Amino acid sequence: MKSEEEIVKEMQQVVAQMVIDDIEEDPSLEFETFECDCCGQEKPLAGSIEYSGCRLCNDCVLIAETGFALNKIKNIQEVIDAMEDKRLEQLCNFIKEEEKRSNN
């Protein structure tokens, strides 16, 4: 049986390869971005995955897939719920930046 560390390293390699594969298939994906439904950040489309109607960036895919592999989570909603604070933080930062721009 693999150790948690081995599983994490394996998942990091798999998820990193997803980015490479996506860019090889469609080079424009490296520069196309979207707002991750999990962390709320603007991230590259390359390496992202859609789970149950929610698109996750490559970083969040790594968290999700590692959680699945380690049997720490049962479904994608658990990851999204766990990241809610990060999404709120991103939203607040966006609002602050917009206020700065409109005040100048």
PDB file of N, CA and C in Angstrom:
ATOM      1  N   MET A   1       0.838  -1.198   0.000  1.00  0.00           N
ATOM      2  CA  MET A   1       0.000   0.000   0.000  1.00  0.00           C
ATOM      3  C   MET A   1       0.880   1.258   0.000  1.00  0.00           C
ATOM      4  N   LYS A   2       0.476   2.244  -0.765  1.00  0.00           N
ATOM      5  CA  LYS A   2       1.263   3.472  -0.879  1.00  0.00           C
ATOM      6  C   LYS A   2       1.080   4.342   0.353  1.00  0.00           C
ATOM      7  N   SER A   3       2.137   5.079   0.697  1.00  0.00           N
ATOM      8  CA  SER A   3       2.048   6.038   1.804  1.00  0.00           C
ATOM      9  C   SER A   3       1.306   7.287   1.322  1.00  0.00           C
ATOM     10  N   GLU A   4       0.847   8.101   2.261  1.00  0.00           N
ATOM     11  CA  GLU A   4       0.176   9.352   1.886  1.00  0.00           C
ATOM     12  C   GLU A   4       1.107  10.211   1.050  1.00  0.00           C
ATOM     13  N   GLU A   5       2.382  10.252   1.431  1.00  0.00           N
ATOM     14  CA  GLU A   5       3.360  11.064   0.704  1.00  0.00           C
ATOM     15  C   GLU A   5       3.497  10.592  -0.750  1.00  0.00           C
ATOM     16  N   GLU A   6       3.523   9.281  -0.955  1.00  0.00           N
ATOM     17  CA  GLU A   6       3.624   8.731  -2.314  1.00  0.00           C
ATOM     18  C   GLU A   6       2.386   9.087  -3.135  1.00  0.00           C
ATOM     19  N   ILE A   7       1.235   9.007  -2.503  1.00  0.00           N
ATOM     20  CA  ILE A   7      -0.020   9.342  -3.192  1.00  0.00           C
ATOM     21  C   ILE A   7      -0.014  10.820  -3.588  1.00  0.00           C
ATOM     22  N   VAL A   8       0.405  11.691  -2.670  1.00  0.00           N
ATOM     23  CA  VAL A   8       0.444  13.132  -2.948  1.00  0.00           C
ATOM     24  C   VAL A   8       1.395  13.424  -4.114  1.00  0.00           C
ATOM     25  N   LYS A   9       2.587  12.834  -4.080  1.00  0.00           N
ATOM     26  CA  LYS A   9       3.554  13.044  -5.174  1.00  0.00           C
ATOM     27  C   LYS A   9       2.992  12.560  -6.504  1.00  0.00           C
ATOM     28  N   GLU A  10       2.349  11.413  -6.486  1.00  0.00           N
ATOM     29  CA  GLU A  10       1.753  10.861  -7.699  1.00  0.00           C
ATOM     30  C   GLU A  10       0.671  11.796  -8.242  1.00  0.00           C
ATOM     31  N   MET A  11      -0.173  12.300  -7.356  1.00  0.00           N
ATOM     32  CA  MET A  11      -1.248  13.209  -7.775  1.00  0.00           C
ATOM     33  C   MET A  11      -0.664  14.509  -8.335  1.00  0.00           C
ATOM     34  N   GLN A  12       0.411  15.015  -7.736  1.00  0.00           N
ATOM     35  CA  GLN A  12       1.054  16.235  -8.241  1.00  0.00           C
ATOM     36  C   GLN A  12       1.530  16.024  -9.674  1.00  0.00           C
ATOM     37  N   GLN A  13       2.110  14.863  -9.940  1.00  0.00           N
ATOM     38  CA  GLN A  13       2.598  14.559 -11.292  1.00  0.00           C
ATOM     39  C   GLN A  13       1.439  14.439 -12.278  1.00  0.00           C
ATOM     40  N   VAL A  14       0.381  13.753 -11.874  1.00  0.00           N
ATOM     41  CA  VAL A  14      -0.790  13.571 -12.747  1.00  0.00           C
ATOM     42  C   VAL A  14      -1.407  14.919 -13.100  1.00  0.00           C
ATOM     43  N   VAL A  15      -1.595  15.770 -12.101  1.00  0.00           N
ATOM     44  CA  VAL A  15      -2.251  17.063 -12.306  1.00  0.00           C
ATOM     45  C   VAL A  15      -1.356  17.994 -13.130  1.00  0.00           C
ATOM     46  N   ALA A  16      -0.055  17.964 -12.897  1.00  0.00           N
ATOM     47  CA  ALA A  16       0.880  18.766 -13.700  1.00  0.00           C
ATOM     48  C   ALA A  16       0.845  18.310 -15.158  1.00  0.00           C
ATOM     49  N   GLN A  17       0.743  17.013 -15.381  1.00  0.00           N
ATOM     50  CA  GLN A  17       0.683  16.469 -16.738  1.00  0.00           C
ATOM     51  C   GLN A  17      -0.597  16.908 -17.447  1.00  0.00           C
ATOM     52  N   MET A  18      -1.678  17.078 -16.698  1.00  0.00           N
ATOM     53  CA  MET A  18      -2.941  17.534 -17.288  1.00  0.00           C
ATOM     54  C   MET A  18      -2.760  18.902 -17.949  1.00  0.00           C
ATOM     55  N   VAL A  19      -2.006  19.792 -17.298  1.00  0.00           N
ATOM     56  CA  VAL A  19      -1.755  21.122 -17.862  1.00  0.00           C
ATOM     57  C   VAL A  19      -0.982  20.975 -19.177  1.00  0.00           C
ATOM     58  N   ILE A  20       0.073  20.189 -19.145  1.00  0.00           N
ATOM     59  CA  ILE A  20       0.909  19.959 -20.332  1.00  0.00           C
ATOM     60  C   ILE A  20       0.064  19.392 -21.472  1.00  0.00           C
ATOM     61  N   ASP A  21      -0.750  18.381 -21.171  1.00  0.00           N
ATOM     62  CA  ASP A  21      -1.598  17.752 -22.193  1.00  0.00           C
ATOM     63  C   ASP A  21      -2.583  18.745 -22.790  1.00  0.00           C
ATOM     64  N   ASP A  22      -3.224  19.550 -21.931  1.00  0.00           N
ATOM     65  CA  ASP A  22      -4.202  20.535 -22.421  1.00  0.00           C
ATOM     66  C   ASP A  22      -3.537  21.551 -23.346  1.00  0.00           C
ATOM     67  N   ILE A  23      -2.346  22.030 -22.969  1.00  0.00           N
ATOM     68  CA  ILE A  23      -1.645  23.031 -23.785  1.00  0.00           C
ATOM     69  C   ILE A  23      -1.181  22.421 -25.106  1.00  0.00           C
ATOM     70  N   GLU A  24      -0.738  21.160 -25.070  1.00  0.00           N
ATOM     71  CA  GLU A  24      -0.347  20.485 -26.322  1.00  0.00           C
ATOM     72  C   GLU A  24      -1.551  20.328 -27.247  1.00  0.00           C
ATOM     73  N   GLU A  25      -2.699  20.038 -26.669  1.00  0.00           N
ATOM     74  CA  GLU A  25      -3.916  19.837 -27.456  1.00  0.00           C
ATOM     75  C   GLU A  25      -4.446  21.158 -28.014  1.00  0.00           C
ATOM     76  N   ASP A  26      -4.396  22.222 -27.181  1.00  0.00           N
ATOM     77  CA  ASP A  26      -4.897  23.541 -27.581  1.00  0.00           C
ATOM     78  C   ASP A  26      -4.040  24.612 -26.907  1.00  0.00           C
ATOM     79  N   PRO A  27      -2.999  25.119 -27.611  1.00  0.00           N
ATOM     80  CA  PRO A  27      -2.078  26.082 -26.999  1.00  0.00           C
ATOM     81  C   PRO A  27      -2.742  27.337 -26.437  1.00  0.00           C
ATOM     82  N   SER A  28      -3.905  27.718 -26.944  1.00  0.00           N
ATOM     83  CA  SER A  28      -4.572  28.926 -26.438  1.00  0.00           C
ATOM     84  C   SER A  28      -5.050  28.758 -24.993  1.00  0.00           C
ATOM     85  N   LEU A  29      -5.208  27.506 -24.538  1.00  0.00           N
ATOM     86  CA  LEU A  29      -5.693  27.269 -23.169  1.00  0.00           C
ATOM     87  C   LEU A  29      -4.729  27.797 -22.111  1.00  0.00           C
ATOM     88  N   GLU A  30      -3.458  27.941 -22.486  1.00  0.00           N
ATOM     89  CA  GLU A  30      -2.465  28.460 -21.538  1.00  0.00           C
ATOM     90  C   GLU A  30      -2.798  29.899 -21.148  1.00  0.00           C
ATOM     91  N   PHE A  31      -3.440  30.626 -22.073  1.00  0.00           N
ATOM     92  CA  PHE A  31      -3.700  32.051 -21.858  1.00  0.00           C
ATOM     93  C   PHE A  31      -5.163  32.358 -21.569  1.00  0.00           C
ATOM     94  N   GLU A  32      -6.043  31.397 -21.833  1.00  0.00           N
ATOM     95  CA  GLU A  32      -7.461  31.590 -21.502  1.00  0.00           C
ATOM     96  C   GLU A  32      -7.634  31.383 -20.010  1.00  0.00           C
ATOM     97  N   THR A  33      -8.421  32.265 -19.378  1.00  0.00           N
ATOM     98  CA  THR A  33      -8.629  32.142 -17.941  1.00  0.00           C
ATOM     99  C   THR A  33     -10.115  32.049 -17.616  1.00  0.00           C
ATOM    100  N   PHE A  34     -10.397  31.669 -16.394  1.00  0.00           N
ATOM    101  CA  PHE A  34     -11.764  31.568 -15.890  1.00  0.00           C
ATOM    102  C   PHE A  34     -11.694  31.771 -14.383  1.00  0.00           C
ATOM    103  N   GLU A  35     -12.845  32.024 -13.770  1.00  0.00           N
ATOM    104  CA  GLU A  35     -12.889  32.144 -12.312  1.00  0.00           C
ATOM    105  C   GLU A  35     -13.204  30.773 -11.732  1.00  0.00           C
ATOM    106  N   CYS A  36     -12.268  30.243 -10.957  1.00  0.00           N
ATOM    107  CA  CYS A  36     -12.430  28.921 -10.363  1.00  0.00           C
ATOM    108  C   CYS A  36     -13.620  28.919  -9.405  1.00  0.00           C
ATOM    109  N   ASP A  37     -14.490  27.929  -9.561  1.00  0.00           N
ATOM    110  CA  ASP A  37     -15.664  27.815  -8.688  1.00  0.00           C
ATOM    111  C   ASP A  37     -15.288  27.386  -7.272  1.00  0.00           C
ATOM    112  N   CYS A  38     -14.049  26.989  -7.078  1.00  0.00           N
ATOM    113  CA  CYS A  38     -13.620  26.521  -5.763  1.00  0.00           C
ATOM    114  C   CYS A  38     -12.871  27.614  -4.997  1.00  0.00           C
ATOM    115  N   CYS A  39     -11.768  28.133  -5.562  1.00  0.00           N
ATOM    116  CA  CYS A  39     -10.962  29.129  -4.839  1.00  0.00           C
ATOM    117  C   CYS A  39     -11.348  30.561  -5.182  1.00  0.00           C
ATOM    118  N   GLY A  40     -12.096  30.755  -6.271  1.00  0.00           N
ATOM    119  CA  GLY A  40     -12.548  32.090  -6.643  1.00  0.00           C
ATOM    120  C   GLY A  40     -11.505  32.921  -7.370  1.00  0.00           C
ATOM    121  N   GLN A  41     -10.344  32.356  -7.647  1.00  0.00           N
ATOM    122  CA  GLN A  41      -9.293  33.102  -8.339  1.00  0.00           C
ATOM    123  C   GLN A  41      -9.421  32.957  -9.848  1.00  0.00           C
ATOM    124  N   GLU A  42      -8.889  33.935 -10.553  1.00  0.00           N
ATOM    125  CA  GLU A  42      -8.821  33.887 -12.010  1.00  0.00           C
ATOM    126  C   GLU A  42      -7.630  33.000 -12.357  1.00  0.00           C
ATOM    127  N   LYS A  43      -7.894  31.864 -13.019  1.00  0.00           N
ATOM    128  CA  LYS A  43      -6.840  30.874 -13.272  1.00  0.00           C
ATOM    129  C   LYS A  43      -6.862  30.430 -14.731  1.00  0.00           C
ATOM    130  N   PRO A  44      -5.735  29.875 -15.211  1.00  0.00           N
ATOM    131  CA  PRO A  44      -5.689  29.361 -16.592  1.00  0.00           C
ATOM    132  C   PRO A  44      -6.650  28.184 -16.778  1.00  0.00           C
ATOM    133  N   LEU A  45      -7.235  28.122 -17.958  1.00  0.00           N
ATOM    134  CA  LEU A  45      -8.146  27.029 -18.298  1.00  0.00           C
ATOM    135  C   LEU A  45      -7.388  25.699 -18.419  1.00  0.00           C
ATOM    136  N   ALA A  46      -6.122  25.761 -18.819  1.00  0.00           N
ATOM    137  CA  ALA A  46      -5.310  24.550 -18.967  1.00  0.00           C
ATOM    138  C   ALA A  46      -5.209  23.822 -17.633  1.00  0.00           C
ATOM    139  N   GLY A  47      -5.522  22.532 -17.657  1.00  0.00           N
ATOM    140  CA  GLY A  47      -5.424  21.719 -16.444  1.00  0.00           C
ATOM    141  C   GLY A  47      -6.638  21.786 -15.543  1.00  0.00           C
ATOM    142  N   SER A  48      -7.637  22.573 -15.939  1.00  0.00           N
ATOM    143  CA  SER A  48      -8.859  22.649 -15.121  1.00  0.00           C
ATOM    144  C   SER A  48      -9.766  21.473 -15.457  1.00  0.00           C
ATOM    145  N   ILE A  49     -10.667  21.170 -14.544  1.00  0.00           N
ATOM    146  CA  ILE A  49     -11.623  20.076 -14.750  1.00  0.00           C
ATOM    147  C   ILE A  49     -12.988  20.535 -14.255  1.00  0.00           C
ATOM    148  N   GLU A  50     -14.014  20.061 -14.937  1.00  0.00           N
ATOM    149  CA  GLU A  50     -15.379  20.326 -14.482  1.00  0.00           C
ATOM    150  C   GLU A  50     -15.890  19.097 -13.735  1.00  0.00           C
ATOM    151  N   TYR A  51     -16.338  19.334 -12.503  1.00  0.00           N
ATOM    152  CA  TYR A  51     -16.934  18.285 -11.668  1.00  0.00           C
ATOM    153  C   TYR A  51     -18.357  18.731 -11.367  1.00  0.00           C
ATOM    154  N   SER A  52     -19.326  17.932 -11.681  1.00  0.00           N
ATOM    155  CA  SER A  52     -20.730  18.208 -11.326  1.00  0.00           C
ATOM    156  C   SER A  52     -21.123  19.660 -11.606  1.00  0.00           C
ATOM    157  N   GLY A  53     -20.725  20.180 -12.756  1.00  0.00           N
ATOM    158  CA  GLY A  53     -21.098  21.541 -13.136  1.00  0.00           C
ATOM    159  C   GLY A  53     -20.236  22.632 -12.537  1.00  0.00           C
ATOM    160  N   CYS A  54     -19.227  22.297 -11.761  1.00  0.00           N
ATOM    161  CA  CYS A  54     -18.315  23.277 -11.172  1.00  0.00           C
ATOM    162  C   CYS A  54     -16.940  23.111 -11.817  1.00  0.00           C
ATOM    163  N   ARG A  55     -16.374  24.213 -12.324  1.00  0.00           N
ATOM    164  CA  ARG A  55     -15.035  24.136 -12.936  1.00  0.00           C
ATOM    165  C   ARG A  55     -13.997  24.519 -11.895  1.00  0.00           C
ATOM    166  N   LEU A  56     -13.022  23.621 -11.715  1.00  0.00           N
ATOM    167  CA  LEU A  56     -11.947  23.835 -10.749  1.00  0.00           C
ATOM    168  C   LEU A  56     -10.629  24.050 -11.472  1.00  0.00           C
ATOM    169  N   CYS A  57      -9.836  24.997 -10.971  1.00  0.00           N
ATOM    170  CA  CYS A  57      -8.514  25.253 -11.533  1.00  0.00           C
ATOM    171  C   CYS A  57      -7.593  24.085 -11.200  1.00  0.00           C
ATOM    172  N   ASN A  58      -6.441  24.074 -11.831  1.00  0.00           N
ATOM    173  CA  ASN A  58      -5.499  22.976 -11.653  1.00  0.00           C
ATOM    174  C   ASN A  58      -5.077  22.823 -10.188  1.00  0.00           C
ATOM    175  N   ASP A  59      -4.883  23.939  -9.478  1.00  0.00           N
ATOM    176  CA  ASP A  59      -4.498  23.861  -8.060  1.00  0.00           C
ATOM    177  C   ASP A  59      -5.589  23.191  -7.225  1.00  0.00           C
ATOM    178  N   CYS A  60      -6.834  23.558  -7.495  1.00  0.00           N
ATOM    179  CA  CYS A  60      -7.948  22.964  -6.746  1.00  0.00           C
ATOM    180  C   CYS A  60      -8.197  21.514  -7.167  1.00  0.00           C
ATOM    181  N   VAL A  61      -7.923  21.206  -8.448  1.00  0.00           N
ATOM    182  CA  VAL A  61      -8.020  19.818  -8.909  1.00  0.00           C
ATOM    183  C   VAL A  61      -7.041  18.963  -8.104  1.00  0.00           C
ATOM    184  N   LEU A  62      -5.847  19.484  -7.880  1.00  0.00           N
ATOM    185  CA  LEU A  62      -4.844  18.752  -7.096  1.00  0.00           C
ATOM    186  C   LEU A  62      -5.372  18.479  -5.690  1.00  0.00           C
ATOM    187  N   ILE A  63      -5.944  19.482  -5.063  1.00  0.00           N
ATOM    188  CA  ILE A  63      -6.508  19.306  -3.714  1.00  0.00           C
ATOM    189  C   ILE A  63      -7.620  18.256  -3.743  1.00  0.00           C
ATOM    190  N   ALA A  64      -8.521  18.386  -4.717  1.00  0.00           N
ATOM    191  CA  ALA A  64      -9.661  17.469  -4.815  1.00  0.00           C
ATOM    192  C   ALA A  64      -9.210  16.041  -5.077  1.00  0.00           C
ATOM    193  N   GLU A  65      -8.365  15.860  -6.086  1.00  0.00           N
ATOM    194  CA  GLU A  65      -7.944  14.506  -6.459  1.00  0.00           C
ATOM    195  C   GLU A  65      -7.109  13.848  -5.361  1.00  0.00           C
ATOM    196  N   THR A  66      -6.302  14.641  -4.671  1.00  0.00           N
ATOM    197  CA  THR A  66      -5.537  14.104  -3.543  1.00  0.00           C
ATOM    198  C   THR A  66      -6.485  13.702  -2.423  1.00  0.00           C
ATOM    199  N   GLY A  67      -7.493  14.530  -2.166  1.00  0.00           N
ATOM    200  CA  GLY A  67      -8.499  14.205  -1.153  1.00  0.00           C
ATOM    201  C   GLY A  67      -9.248  12.923  -1.479  1.00  0.00           C
ATOM    202  N   PHE A  68      -9.599  12.755  -2.764  1.00  0.00           N
ATOM    203  CA  PHE A  68     -10.266  11.511  -3.182  1.00  0.00           C
ATOM    204  C   PHE A  68      -9.330  10.316  -3.003  1.00  0.00           C
ATOM    205  N   ALA A  69      -8.076  10.466  -3.469  1.00  0.00           N
ATOM    206  CA  ALA A  69      -7.113   9.359  -3.415  1.00  0.00           C
ATOM    207  C   ALA A  69      -6.821   8.929  -1.972  1.00  0.00           C
ATOM    208  N   LEU A  70      -6.852   9.888  -1.056  1.00  0.00           N
ATOM    209  CA  LEU A  70      -6.569   9.586   0.355  1.00  0.00           C
ATOM    210  C   LEU A  70      -7.838   9.254   1.145  1.00  0.00           C
ATOM    211  N   ASN A  71      -8.975   9.199   0.444  1.00  0.00           N
ATOM    212  CA  ASN A  71     -10.277   8.948   1.085  1.00  0.00           C
ATOM    213  C   ASN A  71     -10.588   9.958   2.183  1.00  0.00           C
ATOM    214  N   LYS A  72     -10.158  11.218   1.964  1.00  0.00           N
ATOM    215  CA  LYS A  72     -10.433  12.288   2.928  1.00  0.00           C
ATOM    216  C   LYS A  72     -11.733  13.012   2.581  1.00  0.00           C
ATOM    217  N   ILE A  73     -12.128  12.935   1.306  1.00  0.00           N
ATOM    218  CA  ILE A  73     -13.378  13.563   0.867  1.00  0.00           C
ATOM    219  C   ILE A  73     -14.168  12.564   0.031  1.00  0.00           C
ATOM    220  N   LYS A  74     -15.473  12.756   0.011  1.00  0.00           N
ATOM    221  CA  LYS A  74     -16.365  11.864  -0.731  1.00  0.00           C
ATOM    222  C   LYS A  74     -16.857  12.488  -2.039  1.00  0.00           C
ATOM    223  N   ASN A  75     -16.997  13.838  -2.050  1.00  0.00           N
ATOM    224  CA  ASN A  75     -17.498  14.498  -3.258  1.00  0.00           C
ATOM    225  C   ASN A  75     -16.896  15.890  -3.391  1.00  0.00           C
ATOM    226  N   ILE A  76     -17.067  16.466  -4.564  1.00  0.00           N
ATOM    227  CA  ILE A  76     -16.441  17.745  -4.865  1.00  0.00           C
ATOM    228  C   ILE A  76     -17.009  18.875  -4.017  1.00  0.00           C
ATOM    229  N   GLN A  77     -18.265  18.765  -3.601  1.00  0.00           N
ATOM    230  CA  GLN A  77     -18.870  19.822  -2.790  1.00  0.00           C
ATOM    231  C   GLN A  77     -18.110  20.009  -1.472  1.00  0.00           C
ATOM    232  N   GLU A  78     -17.537  18.940  -0.936  1.00  0.00           N
ATOM    233  CA  GLU A  78     -16.759  19.058   0.300  1.00  0.00           C
ATOM    234  C   GLU A  78     -15.550  19.967   0.095  1.00  0.00           C
ATOM    235  N   VAL A  79     -14.910  19.869  -1.057  1.00  0.00           N
ATOM    236  CA  VAL A  79     -13.756  20.732  -1.356  1.00  0.00           C
ATOM    237  C   VAL A  79     -14.226  22.170  -1.508  1.00  0.00           C
ATOM    238  N   ILE A  80     -15.302  22.367  -2.256  1.00  0.00           N
ATOM    239  CA  ILE A  80     -15.826  23.716  -2.479  1.00  0.00           C
ATOM    240  C   ILE A  80     -16.231  24.356  -1.150  1.00  0.00           C
ATOM    241  N   ASP A  81     -16.900  23.596  -0.289  1.00  0.00           N
ATOM    242  CA  ASP A  81     -17.291  24.125   1.018  1.00  0.00           C
ATOM    243  C   ASP A  81     -16.070  24.497   1.848  1.00  0.00           C
ATOM    244  N   ALA A  82     -15.037  23.666   1.795  1.00  0.00           N
ATOM    245  CA  ALA A  82     -13.824  23.919   2.575  1.00  0.00           C
ATOM    246  C   ALA A  82     -13.097  25.169   2.080  1.00  0.00           C
ATOM    247  N   MET A  83     -13.274  25.519   0.813  1.00  0.00           N
ATOM    248  CA  MET A  83     -12.583  26.673   0.224  1.00  0.00           C
ATOM    249  C   MET A  83     -13.416  27.956   0.274  1.00  0.00           C
ATOM    250  N   GLU A  84     -14.570  27.916   0.924  1.00  0.00           N
ATOM    251  CA  GLU A  84     -15.464  29.076   0.916  1.00  0.00           C
ATOM    252  C   GLU A  84     -14.781  30.342   1.436  1.00  0.00           C
ATOM    253  N   ASP A  85     -13.997  30.230   2.508  1.00  0.00           N
ATOM    254  CA  ASP A  85     -13.312  31.402   3.058  1.00  0.00           C
ATOM    255  C   ASP A  85     -12.370  32.018   2.027  1.00  0.00           C
ATOM    256  N   LYS A  86     -11.685  31.186   1.274  1.00  0.00           N
ATOM    257  CA  LYS A  86     -10.754  31.676   0.246  1.00  0.00           C
ATOM    258  C   LYS A  86     -11.524  32.417  -0.849  1.00  0.00           C
ATOM    259  N   ARG A  87     -12.680  31.905  -1.257  1.00  0.00           N
ATOM    260  CA  ARG A  87     -13.497  32.585  -2.272  1.00  0.00           C
ATOM    261  C   ARG A  87     -13.952  33.933  -1.761  1.00  0.00           C
ATOM    262  N   LEU A  88     -14.393  33.996  -0.510  1.00  0.00           N
ATOM    263  CA  LEU A  88     -14.851  35.266   0.064  1.00  0.00           C
ATOM    264  C   LEU A  88     -13.713  36.275   0.131  1.00  0.00           C
ATOM    265  N   GLU A  89     -12.532  35.796   0.493  1.00  0.00           N
ATOM    266  CA  GLU A  89     -11.345  36.652   0.549  1.00  0.00           C
ATOM    267  C   GLU A  89     -11.051  37.227  -0.841  1.00  0.00           C
ATOM    268  N   GLN A  90     -11.139  36.394  -1.867  1.00  0.00           N
ATOM    269  CA  GLN A  90     -10.906  36.845  -3.242  1.00  0.00           C
ATOM    270  C   GLN A  90     -11.928  37.904  -3.648  1.00  0.00           C
ATOM    271  N   LEU A  91     -13.183  37.676  -3.293  1.00  0.00           N
ATOM    272  CA  LEU A  91     -14.241  38.618  -3.631  1.00  0.00           C
ATOM    273  C   LEU A  91     -13.997  39.965  -2.951  1.00  0.00           C
ATOM    274  N   CYS A  92     -13.628  39.940  -1.686  1.00  0.00           N
ATOM    275  CA  CYS A  92     -13.346  41.180  -0.947  1.00  0.00           C
ATOM    276  C   CYS A  92     -12.172  41.925  -1.572  1.00  0.00           C
ATOM    277  N   ASN A  93     -11.123  41.193  -1.951  1.00  0.00           N
ATOM    278  CA  ASN A  93      -9.966  41.821  -2.588  1.00  0.00           C
ATOM    279  C   ASN A  93     -10.353  42.460  -3.910  1.00  0.00           C
ATOM    280  N   PHE A  94     -11.209  41.786  -4.672  1.00  0.00           N
ATOM    281  CA  PHE A  94     -11.673  42.318  -5.952  1.00  0.00           C
ATOM    282  C   PHE A  94     -12.442  43.618  -5.733  1.00  0.00           C
ATOM    283  N   ILE A  95     -13.329  43.625  -4.754  1.00  0.00           N
ATOM    284  CA  ILE A  95     -14.132  44.818  -4.456  1.00  0.00           C
ATOM    285  C   ILE A  95     -13.230  45.974  -4.039  1.00  0.00           C
ATOM    286  N   LYS A  96     -12.234  45.702  -3.188  1.00  0.00           N
ATOM    287  CA  LYS A  96     -11.300  46.750  -2.753  1.00  0.00           C
ATOM    288  C   LYS A  96     -10.541  47.331  -3.939  1.00  0.00           C
ATOM    289  N   GLU A  97     -10.089  46.465  -4.843  1.00  0.00           N
ATOM    290  CA  GLU A  97      -9.353  46.929  -6.029  1.00  0.00           C
ATOM    291  C   GLU A  97     -10.248  47.785  -6.918  1.00  0.00           C
ATOM    292  N   GLU A  98     -11.500  47.377  -7.083  1.00  0.00           N
ATOM    293  CA  GLU A  98     -12.442  48.149  -7.900  1.00  0.00           C
ATOM    294  C   GLU A  98     -12.687  49.523  -7.285  1.00  0.00           C
ATOM    295  N   GLU A  99     -12.801  49.585  -5.952  1.00  0.00           N
ATOM    296  CA  GLU A  99     -13.010  50.865  -5.266  1.00  0.00           C
ATOM    297  C   GLU A  99     -11.807  51.777  -5.469  1.00  0.00           C
ATOM    298  N   LYS A 100     -10.603  51.207  -5.382  1.00  0.00           N
ATOM    299  CA  LYS A 100      -9.382  52.011  -5.614  1.00  0.00           C
ATOM    300  C   LYS A 100      -9.390  52.576  -7.030  1.00  0.00           C
ATOM    301  N   ARG A 101      -9.740  51.764  -8.011  1.00  0.00           N
ATOM    302  CA  ARG A 101      -9.757  52.199  -9.401  1.00  0.00           C
ATOM    303  C   ARG A 101     -10.771  53.315  -9.623  1.00  0.00           C
ATOM    304  N   SER A 102     -11.939  53.183  -9.023  1.00  0.00           N
ATOM    305  CA  SER A 102     -12.985  54.192  -9.239  1.00  0.00           C
ATOM    306  C   SER A 102     -12.695  55.483  -8.477  1.00  0.00           C
ATOM    307  N   ASN A 103     -11.859  55.429  -7.464  1.00  0.00           N
ATOM    308  CA  ASN A 103     -11.508  56.631  -6.700  1.00  0.00           C
ATOM    309  C   ASN A 103     -10.379  57.420  -7.356  1.00  0.00           C
ATOM    310  N   ASN A 104      -9.696  56.827  -8.311  1.00  0.00           N
ATOM    311  CA  ASN A 104      -8.570  57.521  -8.967  1.00  0.00           C
ATOM    312  C   ASN A 104      -9.014  58.303 -10.176  1.00  0.00           C
TER     313      ASN A 104
END
